[in-house]
Every structure is written in C-alpha cells, then in structure tokens.
C-alpha cells in the first residue's frame, strides 16, 4: 500500500521510509492528540501542580469528579443537554424548511434572501451581543422577556446560516424528476418534502447535526448574555466560574472539562457514518 503524503514520503522506499513515516505520524499524533490525552490522564490524577500536565498516569482517582459533582457540574451539564437538545431540533427544523424553499421555490427577492442569510456568517458574536440582548429582553410581536431562561439560549440558535446553506446546496442536487413523479401521483408539497426529499437528505442531516451540536454545545457568549444566576449556567459558562474559584483545584477543572468534551465526541462517533457520507457525496457526483 502506498502512502501519499504532502511531504513526499511516498517516494521513499525501504527502512528509511518506514522510519520517516513513523516519526512524522508520531509527531502528528502528539500535536493533535497530546492535549486531549493530557486532559484525560490529568482528570483522573490526584491533585497536581496547576502549571503542568502529564501524559503518563502515575495513579488513578475519581476524587476530581466527585469534587466536580459537589460543585453542581451535573446540574450545569443537564442545562447544556436541554439547550442543545431543543436548540438542535429547532435548528434542524428551520434549516430543512428554509433550504427546501430556497432550493425548490422561485419567488421575488430570492437572491436577496440568500445573500442576507449568507451575510449573517460574516458577523462576529461580539457585534451581535448587544442587539441580541435587547431583542431577548422584549421579543418582538409576543413581547416576552427571555432573559434569565433556558429558552433565551434555545431560540437564537434555531436559525444558523451554515446549516441552511448546506441543506440548500444538497437539496438542489436532488433530481427534480423524483418530485415531479410524486406530484403526478397526487402528492402535495408537504408530502413530497417529507416522503421524497427529506429521506434523501440524511447525509446532509448528519453534517448539520454534528456541526450544529458542536456549535450549540460550545456556546459561551449567548449563555453569558442570558443567564442571570448560576441556576441557568451551561457547562461552558460554569467552567469559567470554576476557573476563577481559587478553592477549586486544577484536577476538578480538568474533570469538568472532560465532561464538557465527551458529548461532542459521542455525538460525532454516533453520527460519523452520515457525516462522512455527507462530506463525500459531492465528491462522487458526475
């Protein structure tokens, strides 16, 4: 088997090639997996020097996790699951609905709507922080104050330009003939969308599901704007509180960080097949 590399290692043969590849792959593993391995080992290690991490476990303890639970990390973790669960469902529903309209319908101002959606990706969170806090304090039309509630963290993530754009481009590649055949059988737009288009979008749903989960789970600015007391903290926001508490050791902080990392890893492992199909679907076209 040939190993194609950007460093030209595929041109080497024999023992030097094996040694060079081993060294390169070892360095890459240490660079990318080293911090994660240090986090995993140190989270289960006893109290240590806060200025150092270790890759070699010397002993094993669950004391850091017990201390983290006493700091209500489990409650913050539950808040994060509530926000990411309802937020992701809302985001997927909005994304597939908007994408179907953009991909299949023709209406005045279509290009302008698409441009406005795309432009939201260019704005950093810091610019949107003040306008968003004002809107959440008095939601237009319904005049409801969402500040200090988990709903205030869920509603703003319901629409994400990245997910809408991914679904729109994927739906545009679905043959129109499939929809025309269903329409000849008497199916309406809703039936076609639910029974024909959506099942074919599973790879794209895997992509936006993983990216959407990570985006919502890692939110820091939004919970910081909405939460008014610790009862509504999500885990990323709680990590800042633990970090600023001098009574909390580095081991407890690392244990909480590991708990914050695991859901994203589990989500990717659970959806990796659809994710990889979604990434490669465009590469095998034609």
C-alpha atoms as a PDB file:
ATOM      1  CA  UNK A   1       0.000   0.000   0.000  1.00  0.00           C
ATOM      2  CA  UNK A   2       1.335   3.398  -0.962  1.00  0.00           C
ATOM      3  CA  UNK A   3       1.338   6.253   1.489  1.00  0.00           C
ATOM      4  CA  UNK A   4       0.707   9.534  -0.314  1.00  0.00           C
ATOM      5  CA  UNK A   5       1.906  12.457   1.799  1.00  0.00           C
ATOM      6  CA  UNK A   6       2.426  16.156   1.232  1.00  0.00           C
ATOM      7  CA  UNK A   7       5.994  15.739   2.461  1.00  0.00           C
ATOM      8  CA  UNK A   8       6.901  13.373  -0.370  1.00  0.00           C
ATOM      9  CA  UNK A   9       7.367  10.345   1.880  1.00  0.00           C
ATOM     10  CA  UNK A  10       5.686   8.193  -0.751  1.00  0.00           C
ATOM     11  CA  UNK A  11       8.875   8.494  -2.845  1.00  0.00           C
ATOM     12  CA  UNK A  12      10.977   6.845  -0.146  1.00  0.00           C
ATOM     13  CA  UNK A  13      11.485   3.101  -0.064  1.00  0.00           C
ATOM     14  CA  UNK A  14      12.799   0.598   2.431  1.00  0.00           C
ATOM     15  CA  UNK A  15      13.732   1.146   6.070  1.00  0.00           C
ATOM     16  CA  UNK A  16      14.334   4.940   5.788  1.00  0.00           C
ATOM     17  CA  UNK A  17      10.776   5.362   4.509  1.00  0.00           C
ATOM     18  CA  UNK A  18       9.341   3.388   7.426  1.00  0.00           C
ATOM     19  CA  UNK A  19      11.364   5.360   9.973  1.00  0.00           C
ATOM     20  CA  UNK A  20      10.441   8.690   8.389  1.00  0.00           C
ATOM     21  CA  UNK A  21       6.753   7.809   8.295  1.00  0.00           C
ATOM     22  CA  UNK A  22       6.827   6.593  11.877  1.00  0.00           C
ATOM     23  CA  UNK A  23       8.432   9.833  13.061  1.00  0.00           C
ATOM     24  CA  UNK A  24       6.034  12.024  11.082  1.00  0.00           C
ATOM     25  CA  UNK A  25       2.936  10.161  12.248  1.00  0.00           C
ATOM     26  CA  UNK A  26       4.169  10.144  15.853  1.00  0.00           C
ATOM     27  CA  UNK A  27       4.727  13.912  15.778  1.00  0.00           C
ATOM     28  CA  UNK A  28       1.274  14.474  14.271  1.00  0.00           C
ATOM     29  CA  UNK A  29      -0.369  12.287  16.914  1.00  0.00           C
ATOM     30  CA  UNK A  30       1.441  14.131  19.718  1.00  0.00           C
ATOM     31  CA  UNK A  31       0.480  17.533  18.301  1.00  0.00           C
ATOM     32  CA  UNK A  32      -3.199  16.792  17.769  1.00  0.00           C
ATOM     33  CA  UNK A  33      -3.937  14.108  20.367  1.00  0.00           C
ATOM     34  CA  UNK A  34      -1.418  15.127  23.022  1.00  0.00           C
ATOM     35  CA  UNK A  35      -3.559  17.813  24.703  1.00  0.00           C
ATOM     36  CA  UNK A  36      -6.587  15.518  24.715  1.00  0.00           C
ATOM     37  CA  UNK A  37      -4.567  12.670  26.190  1.00  0.00           C
ATOM     38  CA  UNK A  38      -3.136  15.011  28.826  1.00  0.00           C
ATOM     39  CA  UNK A  39      -6.667  16.132  29.705  1.00  0.00           C
ATOM     40  CA  UNK A  40      -7.860  12.532  30.006  1.00  0.00           C
ATOM     41  CA  UNK A  41      -4.938  11.410  32.175  1.00  0.00           C
ATOM     42  CA  UNK A  42      -4.847  14.500  34.381  1.00  0.00           C
ATOM     43  CA  UNK A  43      -8.615  14.413  35.041  1.00  0.00           C
ATOM     44  CA  UNK A  44      -8.150  11.058  36.787  1.00  0.00           C
ATOM     45  CA  UNK A  45      -4.899  12.024  38.538  1.00  0.00           C
ATOM     46  CA  UNK A  46      -4.597  13.287  42.141  1.00  0.00           C
ATOM     47  CA  UNK A  47      -4.049  16.970  42.934  1.00  0.00           C
ATOM     48  CA  UNK A  48      -1.106  18.249  40.944  1.00  0.00           C
ATOM     49  CA  UNK A  49       0.904  21.290  40.025  1.00  0.00           C
ATOM     50  CA  UNK A  50      -1.509  23.662  38.244  1.00  0.00           C
ATOM     51  CA  UNK A  51       1.250  24.682  35.816  1.00  0.00           C
ATOM     52  CA  UNK A  52       1.867  21.189  34.425  1.00  0.00           C
ATOM     53  CA  UNK A  53       0.016  18.338  32.758  1.00  0.00           C
ATOM     54  CA  UNK A  54       1.188  14.777  32.326  1.00  0.00           C
ATOM     55  CA  UNK A  55       0.826  12.128  29.615  1.00  0.00           C
ATOM     56  CA  UNK A  56       1.952   9.314  31.890  1.00  0.00           C
ATOM     57  CA  UNK A  57      -0.581   8.233  34.545  1.00  0.00           C
ATOM     58  CA  UNK A  58       1.013   7.555  37.922  1.00  0.00           C
ATOM     59  CA  UNK A  59      -2.170   6.820  39.883  1.00  0.00           C
ATOM     60  CA  UNK A  60      -5.906   6.721  39.357  1.00  0.00           C
ATOM     61  CA  UNK A  61      -8.627   8.501  41.343  1.00  0.00           C
ATOM     62  CA  UNK A  62     -12.216   9.678  40.938  1.00  0.00           C
ATOM     63  CA  UNK A  63     -11.828  12.389  43.560  1.00  0.00           C
ATOM     64  CA  UNK A  64     -11.765  15.141  40.932  1.00  0.00           C
ATOM     65  CA  UNK A  65     -15.114  14.032  39.519  1.00  0.00           C
ATOM     66  CA  UNK A  66     -16.672  13.739  42.968  1.00  0.00           C
ATOM     67  CA  UNK A  67     -15.485  17.250  43.765  1.00  0.00           C
ATOM     68  CA  UNK A  68     -16.865  18.480  40.433  1.00  0.00           C
ATOM     69  CA  UNK A  69     -20.270  16.958  41.203  1.00  0.00           C
ATOM     70  CA  UNK A  70     -20.286  18.736  44.539  1.00  0.00           C
ATOM     71  CA  UNK A  71     -19.825  21.973  42.563  1.00  0.00           C
ATOM     72  CA  UNK A  72     -23.139  21.306  40.734  1.00  0.00           C
ATOM     73  CA  UNK A  73     -21.393  20.342  37.491  1.00  0.00           C
ATOM     74  CA  UNK A  74     -24.108  17.738  36.914  1.00  0.00           C
ATOM     75  CA  UNK A  75     -26.751  20.481  37.015  1.00  0.00           C
ATOM     76  CA  UNK A  76     -24.803  22.595  34.521  1.00  0.00           C
ATOM     77  CA  UNK A  77     -24.387  19.529  32.325  1.00  0.00           C
ATOM     78  CA  UNK A  78     -28.142  18.955  32.380  1.00  0.00           C
ATOM     79  CA  UNK A  79     -28.746  22.575  31.382  1.00  0.00           C
ATOM     80  CA  UNK A  80     -26.385  22.115  28.449  1.00  0.00           C
ATOM     81  CA  UNK A  81     -28.224  18.983  27.333  1.00  0.00           C
ATOM     82  CA  UNK A  82     -31.579  20.783  27.498  1.00  0.00           C
ATOM     83  CA  UNK A  83     -30.274  23.711  25.454  1.00  0.00           C
ATOM     84  CA  UNK A  84     -28.502  21.589  22.862  1.00  0.00           C
ATOM     85  CA  UNK A  85     -31.373  19.098  22.585  1.00  0.00           C
ATOM     86  CA  UNK A  86     -34.182  21.566  21.954  1.00  0.00           C
ATOM     87  CA  UNK A  87     -31.884  24.002  20.139  1.00  0.00           C
ATOM     88  CA  UNK A  88     -30.662  21.374  17.684  1.00  0.00           C
ATOM     89  CA  UNK A  89     -34.180  20.123  16.957  1.00  0.00           C
ATOM     90  CA  UNK A  90     -35.322  23.681  16.306  1.00  0.00           C
ATOM     91  CA  UNK A  91     -32.259  24.414  14.183  1.00  0.00           C
ATOM     92  CA  UNK A  92     -32.713  21.319  12.009  1.00  0.00           C
ATOM     93  CA  UNK A  93     -36.423  22.050  11.535  1.00  0.00           C
ATOM     94  CA  UNK A  94     -35.729  25.639  10.489  1.00  0.00           C
ATOM     95  CA  UNK A  95     -32.789  24.647   8.278  1.00  0.00           C
ATOM     96  CA  UNK A  96     -34.592  21.966   6.257  1.00  0.00           C
ATOM     97  CA  UNK A  97     -37.698  24.121   5.852  1.00  0.00           C
ATOM     98  CA  UNK A  98     -35.756  27.187   4.722  1.00  0.00           C
ATOM     99  CA  UNK A  99     -33.488  25.100   2.488  1.00  0.00           C
ATOM    100  CA  UNK A 100     -36.446  23.496   0.696  1.00  0.00           C
ATOM    101  CA  UNK A 101     -37.924  26.911  -0.021  1.00  0.00           C
ATOM    102  CA  UNK A 102     -34.599  28.275  -1.273  1.00  0.00           C
ATOM    103  CA  UNK A 103     -33.766  25.192  -3.352  1.00  0.00           C
ATOM    104  CA  UNK A 104     -37.138  24.477  -4.946  1.00  0.00           C
ATOM    105  CA  UNK A 105     -39.266  27.617  -4.877  1.00  0.00           C
ATOM    106  CA  UNK A 106     -38.926  30.724  -7.008  1.00  0.00           C
ATOM    107  CA  UNK A 107     -40.112  33.993  -5.514  1.00  0.00           C
ATOM    108  CA  UNK A 108     -39.209  37.695  -5.788  1.00  0.00           C
ATOM    109  CA  UNK A 109     -36.143  38.577  -3.734  1.00  0.00           C
ATOM    110  CA  UNK A 110     -34.781  35.016  -3.598  1.00  0.00           C
ATOM    111  CA  UNK A 111     -31.205  36.139  -4.225  1.00  0.00           C
ATOM    112  CA  UNK A 112     -31.542  38.899  -1.652  1.00  0.00           C
ATOM    113  CA  UNK A 113     -32.805  36.466   0.991  1.00  0.00           C
ATOM    114  CA  UNK A 114     -29.935  34.107   0.204  1.00  0.00           C
ATOM    115  CA  UNK A 115     -27.452  36.972   0.446  1.00  0.00           C
ATOM    116  CA  UNK A 116     -28.863  38.121   3.787  1.00  0.00           C
ATOM    117  CA  UNK A 117     -28.591  34.596   5.200  1.00  0.00           C
ATOM    118  CA  UNK A 118     -25.017  34.347   3.957  1.00  0.00           C
ATOM    119  CA  UNK A 119     -24.117  37.750   5.407  1.00  0.00           C
ATOM    120  CA  UNK A 120     -25.003  36.610   8.944  1.00  0.00           C
ATOM    121  CA  UNK A 121     -21.967  34.312   8.824  1.00  0.00           C
ATOM    122  CA  UNK A 122     -19.697  37.329   8.459  1.00  0.00           C
ATOM    123  CA  UNK A 123     -20.773  38.978  11.717  1.00  0.00           C
ATOM    124  CA  UNK A 124     -18.860  38.052  14.902  1.00  0.00           C
ATOM    125  CA  UNK A 125     -20.808  37.278  18.059  1.00  0.00           C
ATOM    126  CA  UNK A 126     -19.428  40.352  19.827  1.00  0.00           C
ATOM    127  CA  UNK A 127     -21.162  42.661  17.347  1.00  0.00           C
ATOM    128  CA  UNK A 128     -24.496  40.892  17.778  1.00  0.00           C
ATOM    129  CA  UNK A 129     -24.296  40.674  21.584  1.00  0.00           C
ATOM    130  CA  UNK A 130     -25.984  43.989  22.458  1.00  0.00           C
ATOM    131  CA  UNK A 131     -28.751  43.846  19.794  1.00  0.00           C
ATOM    132  CA  UNK A 132     -29.456  40.232  20.715  1.00  0.00           C
ATOM    133  CA  UNK A 133     -29.751  41.023  24.424  1.00  0.00           C
ATOM    134  CA  UNK A 134     -32.224  43.832  23.633  1.00  0.00           C
ATOM    135  CA  UNK A 135     -34.337  41.550  21.450  1.00  0.00           C
ATOM    136  CA  UNK A 136     -34.365  38.771  24.039  1.00  0.00           C
ATOM    137  CA  UNK A 137     -35.391  41.231  26.735  1.00  0.00           C
ATOM    138  CA  UNK A 138     -38.507  42.089  24.717  1.00  0.00           C
ATOM    139  CA  UNK A 139     -39.180  39.634  21.898  1.00  0.00           C
ATOM    140  CA  UNK A 140     -40.999  41.412  19.048  1.00  0.00           C
ATOM    141  CA  UNK A 141     -44.711  40.655  18.481  1.00  0.00           C
ATOM    142  CA  UNK A 142     -45.103  38.441  21.561  1.00  0.00           C
ATOM    143  CA  UNK A 143     -43.319  40.866  23.964  1.00  0.00           C
ATOM    144  CA  UNK A 144     -41.862  38.134  26.156  1.00  0.00           C
ATOM    145  CA  UNK A 145     -38.705  38.524  28.213  1.00  0.00           C
ATOM    146  CA  UNK A 146     -36.428  35.510  27.670  1.00  0.00           C
ATOM    147  CA  UNK A 147     -33.527  36.847  29.734  1.00  0.00           C
ATOM    148  CA  UNK A 148     -32.877  34.536  32.669  1.00  0.00           C
ATOM    149  CA  UNK A 149     -34.443  31.477  30.988  1.00  0.00           C
ATOM    150  CA  UNK A 150     -33.109  28.492  29.095  1.00  0.00           C
ATOM    151  CA  UNK A 151     -35.478  29.402  26.274  1.00  0.00           C
ATOM    152  CA  UNK A 152     -33.398  32.530  25.752  1.00  0.00           C
ATOM    153  CA  UNK A 153     -30.447  30.279  24.884  1.00  0.00           C
ATOM    154  CA  UNK A 154     -32.502  27.992  22.627  1.00  0.00           C
ATOM    155  CA  UNK A 155     -34.396  30.411  20.387  1.00  0.00           C
ATOM    156  CA  UNK A 156     -31.374  32.344  18.997  1.00  0.00           C
ATOM    157  CA  UNK A 157     -29.625  29.141  17.836  1.00  0.00           C
ATOM    158  CA  UNK A 158     -32.750  27.982  15.986  1.00  0.00           C
ATOM    159  CA  UNK A 159     -31.540  29.551  12.743  1.00  0.00           C
ATOM    160  CA  UNK A 160     -27.948  29.065  11.616  1.00  0.00           C
ATOM    161  CA  UNK A 161     -26.801  30.168   8.167  1.00  0.00           C
ATOM    162  CA  UNK A 162     -24.281  27.323   7.830  1.00  0.00           C
ATOM    163  CA  UNK A 163     -26.935  24.627   8.232  1.00  0.00           C
ATOM    164  CA  UNK A 164     -29.327  26.398   5.866  1.00  0.00           C
ATOM    165  CA  UNK A 165     -26.646  26.751   3.172  1.00  0.00           C
ATOM    166  CA  UNK A 166     -25.530  23.115   3.470  1.00  0.00           C
ATOM    167  CA  UNK A 167     -29.098  21.822   3.205  1.00  0.00           C
ATOM    168  CA  UNK A 168     -29.917  24.195   0.325  1.00  0.00           C
ATOM    169  CA  UNK A 169     -26.969  23.041  -1.785  1.00  0.00           C
ATOM    170  CA  UNK A 170     -27.721  19.396  -1.030  1.00  0.00           C
ATOM    171  CA  UNK A 171     -31.403  19.711  -1.943  1.00  0.00           C
ATOM    172  CA  UNK A 172     -30.526  21.433  -5.216  1.00  0.00           C
ATOM    173  CA  UNK A 173     -28.660  18.280  -6.246  1.00  0.00           C
ATOM    174  CA  UNK A 174     -31.719  16.060  -5.736  1.00  0.00           C
ATOM    175  CA  UNK A 175     -33.251  15.284  -9.163  1.00  0.00           C
ATOM    176  CA  UNK A 176     -36.389  17.297  -9.789  1.00  0.00           C
ATOM    177  CA  UNK A 177     -37.828  14.301 -11.669  1.00  0.00           C
ATOM    178  CA  UNK A 178     -38.375  12.495  -8.363  1.00  0.00           C
ATOM    179  CA  UNK A 179     -40.600  15.303  -7.137  1.00  0.00           C
ATOM    180  CA  UNK A 180     -42.426  15.541 -10.463  1.00  0.00           C
ATOM    181  CA  UNK A 181     -43.201  11.808 -10.351  1.00  0.00           C
ATOM    182  CA  UNK A 182     -44.566  12.148  -6.823  1.00  0.00           C
ATOM    183  CA  UNK A 183     -46.621  15.159  -7.877  1.00  0.00           C
ATOM    184  CA  UNK A 184     -48.151  13.142 -10.729  1.00  0.00           C
ATOM    185  CA  UNK A 185     -49.215  10.585  -8.117  1.00  0.00           C
ATOM    186  CA  UNK A 186     -51.153  13.337  -6.329  1.00  0.00           C
ATOM    187  CA  UNK A 187     -48.637  14.231  -3.621  1.00  0.00           C
ATOM    188  CA  UNK A 188     -48.576  17.823  -2.376  1.00  0.00           C
ATOM    189  CA  UNK A 189     -45.583  19.926  -1.390  1.00  0.00           C
ATOM    190  CA  UNK A 190     -45.634  18.783   2.235  1.00  0.00           C
ATOM    191  CA  UNK A 191     -45.901  15.116   1.248  1.00  0.00           C
ATOM    192  CA  UNK A 192     -43.099  15.454  -1.298  1.00  0.00           C
ATOM    193  CA  UNK A 193     -40.898  17.224   1.226  1.00  0.00           C
ATOM    194  CA  UNK A 194     -41.490  14.651   3.973  1.00  0.00           C
ATOM    195  CA  UNK A 195     -41.508  11.427   1.925  1.00  0.00           C
ATOM    196  CA  UNK A 196     -39.218  12.173  -1.021  1.00  0.00           C
ATOM    197  CA  UNK A 197     -36.781  14.990  -0.294  1.00  0.00           C
ATOM    198  CA  UNK A 198     -36.065  14.570   3.408  1.00  0.00           C
ATOM    199  CA  UNK A 199     -35.119  10.847   3.288  1.00  0.00           C
ATOM    200  CA  UNK A 200     -32.567  11.643   0.575  1.00  0.00           C
ATOM    201  CA  UNK A 201     -31.020  14.342   2.783  1.00  0.00           C
ATOM    202  CA  UNK A 202     -29.798  12.012   5.526  1.00  0.00           C
ATOM    203  CA  UNK A 203     -26.099  12.585   4.751  1.00  0.00           C
ATOM    204  CA  UNK A 204     -26.585  16.355   4.909  1.00  0.00           C
ATOM    205  CA  UNK A 205     -28.622  15.969   8.095  1.00  0.00           C
ATOM    206  CA  UNK A 206     -25.646  14.140   9.616  1.00  0.00           C
ATOM    207  CA  UNK A 207     -23.341  17.016   8.699  1.00  0.00           C
ATOM    208  CA  UNK A 208     -25.550  19.785  10.077  1.00  0.00           C
ATOM    209  CA  UNK A 209     -26.401  17.633  13.087  1.00  0.00           C
ATOM    210  CA  UNK A 210     -22.771  17.268  14.162  1.00  0.00           C
ATOM    211  CA  UNK A 211     -21.783  20.849  13.392  1.00  0.00           C
ATOM    212  CA  UNK A 212     -24.984  22.179  14.959  1.00  0.00           C
ATOM    213  CA  UNK A 213     -24.477  20.101  18.105  1.00  0.00           C
ATOM    214  CA  UNK A 214     -20.912  21.362  18.474  1.00  0.00           C
ATOM    215  CA  UNK A 215     -21.887  24.969  17.788  1.00  0.00           C
ATOM    216  CA  UNK A 216     -24.679  24.972  20.375  1.00  0.00           C
ATOM    217  CA  UNK A 217     -22.753  22.940  22.946  1.00  0.00           C
ATOM    218  CA  UNK A 218     -19.765  25.298  22.808  1.00  0.00           C
ATOM    219  CA  UNK A 219     -21.848  28.471  23.130  1.00  0.00           C
ATOM    220  CA  UNK A 220     -20.332  30.849  25.655  1.00  0.00           C
ATOM    221  CA  UNK A 221     -21.410  34.344  24.666  1.00  0.00           C
ATOM    222  CA  UNK A 222     -25.131  33.528  24.483  1.00  0.00           C
ATOM    223  CA  UNK A 223     -25.404  31.918  27.961  1.00  0.00           C
ATOM    224  CA  UNK A 224     -23.322  34.794  29.316  1.00  0.00           C
ATOM    225  CA  UNK A 225     -25.912  37.264  27.979  1.00  0.00           C
ATOM    226  CA  UNK A 226     -28.994  35.309  29.053  1.00  0.00           C
ATOM    227  CA  UNK A 227     -28.130  33.663  32.384  1.00  0.00           C
ATOM    228  CA  UNK A 228     -28.714  35.908  35.391  1.00  0.00           C
ATOM    229  CA  UNK A 229     -27.859  33.367  38.077  1.00  0.00           C
ATOM    230  CA  UNK A 230     -25.919  30.139  38.325  1.00  0.00           C
ATOM    231  CA  UNK A 231     -29.089  28.021  38.115  1.00  0.00           C
ATOM    232  CA  UNK A 232     -29.192  28.719  34.356  1.00  0.00           C
ATOM    233  CA  UNK A 233     -25.470  28.263  33.664  1.00  0.00           C
ATOM    234  CA  UNK A 234     -24.470  25.830  30.955  1.00  0.00           C
ATOM    235  CA  UNK A 235     -21.297  23.811  31.374  1.00  0.00           C
ATOM    236  CA  UNK A 236     -19.016  26.030  29.208  1.00  0.00           C
ATOM    237  CA  UNK A 237     -20.107  29.047  31.226  1.00  0.00           C
ATOM    238  CA  UNK A 238     -19.701  27.154  34.503  1.00  0.00           C
ATOM    239  CA  UNK A 239     -16.111  26.296  33.557  1.00  0.00           C
ATOM    240  CA  UNK A 240     -15.265  29.979  33.723  1.00  0.00           C
ATOM    241  CA  UNK A 241     -16.726  30.153  37.235  1.00  0.00           C
ATOM    242  CA  UNK A 242     -14.727  27.107  38.312  1.00  0.00           C
ATOM    243  CA  UNK A 243     -11.597  28.592  36.769  1.00  0.00           C
ATOM    244  CA  UNK A 244     -11.958  31.811  38.758  1.00  0.00           C
ATOM    245  CA  UNK A 245     -12.634  29.995  42.054  1.00  0.00           C
ATOM    246  CA  UNK A 246      -9.356  29.739  43.952  1.00  0.00           C
ATOM    247  CA  UNK A 247     -10.724  26.893  46.086  1.00  0.00           C
ATOM    248  CA  UNK A 248     -11.195  24.669  43.045  1.00  0.00           C
ATOM    249  CA  UNK A 249      -8.109  22.683  42.123  1.00  0.00           C
ATOM    250  CA  UNK A 250      -6.855  22.145  38.594  1.00  0.00           C
ATOM    251  CA  UNK A 251      -7.904  18.492  38.764  1.00  0.00           C
ATOM    252  CA  UNK A 252     -11.546  19.439  39.363  1.00  0.00           C
ATOM    253  CA  UNK A 253     -11.421  21.887  36.458  1.00  0.00           C
ATOM    254  CA  UNK A 254      -9.936  19.222  34.188  1.00  0.00           C
ATOM    255  CA  UNK A 255     -12.604  16.729  35.230  1.00  0.00           C
ATOM    256  CA  UNK A 256     -15.338  19.231  34.381  1.00  0.00           C
ATOM    257  CA  UNK A 257     -13.589  19.981  31.077  1.00  0.00           C
ATOM    258  CA  UNK A 258     -13.557  16.284  30.236  1.00  0.00           C
ATOM    259  CA  UNK A 259     -17.294  16.091  30.925  1.00  0.00           C
ATOM    260  CA  UNK A 260     -17.774  19.056  28.607  1.00  0.00           C
ATOM    261  CA  UNK A 261     -15.739  17.357  25.878  1.00  0.00           C
ATOM    262  CA  UNK A 262     -17.312  13.895  25.937  1.00  0.00           C
ATOM    263  CA  UNK A 263     -20.770  14.753  24.496  1.00  0.00           C
ATOM    264  CA  UNK A 264     -19.242  16.231  21.326  1.00  0.00           C
ATOM    265  CA  UNK A 265     -17.063  13.148  20.864  1.00  0.00           C
ATOM    266  CA  UNK A 266     -20.008  10.810  21.446  1.00  0.00           C
ATOM    267  CA  UNK A 267     -22.176  12.792  19.008  1.00  0.00           C
ATOM    268  CA  UNK A 268     -19.517  12.527  16.299  1.00  0.00           C
ATOM    269  CA  UNK A 269     -18.998   8.791  16.862  1.00  0.00           C
ATOM    270  CA  UNK A 270     -22.747   8.180  16.750  1.00  0.00           C
ATOM    271  CA  UNK A 271     -23.245  10.176  13.524  1.00  0.00           C
ATOM    272  CA  UNK A 272     -19.894   9.694  11.790  1.00  0.00           C
ATOM    273  CA  UNK A 273     -21.292   7.450   9.033  1.00  0.00           C
ATOM    274  CA  UNK A 274     -23.846  10.037   7.923  1.00  0.00           C
ATOM    275  CA  UNK A 275     -21.242  12.755   8.431  1.00  0.00           C
ATOM    276  CA  UNK A 276     -18.712  11.094   6.119  1.00  0.00           C
ATOM    277  CA  UNK A 277     -21.393  10.351   3.526  1.00  0.00           C
ATOM    278  CA  UNK A 278     -22.419  13.995   3.618  1.00  0.00           C
ATOM    279  CA  UNK A 279     -18.844  15.204   3.129  1.00  0.00           C
ATOM    280  CA  UNK A 280     -18.114  12.823   0.250  1.00  0.00           C
ATOM    281  CA  UNK A 281     -21.476  12.968  -1.563  1.00  0.00           C
ATOM    282  CA  UNK A 282     -20.395  15.984  -3.600  1.00  0.00           C
ATOM    283  CA  UNK A 283     -17.040  14.438  -4.469  1.00  0.00           C
ATOM    284  CA  UNK A 284     -18.505  11.372  -6.203  1.00  0.00           C
ATOM    285  CA  UNK A 285     -21.062  13.230  -8.299  1.00  0.00           C
ATOM    286  CA  UNK A 286     -20.906  13.064 -12.082  1.00  0.00           C
END
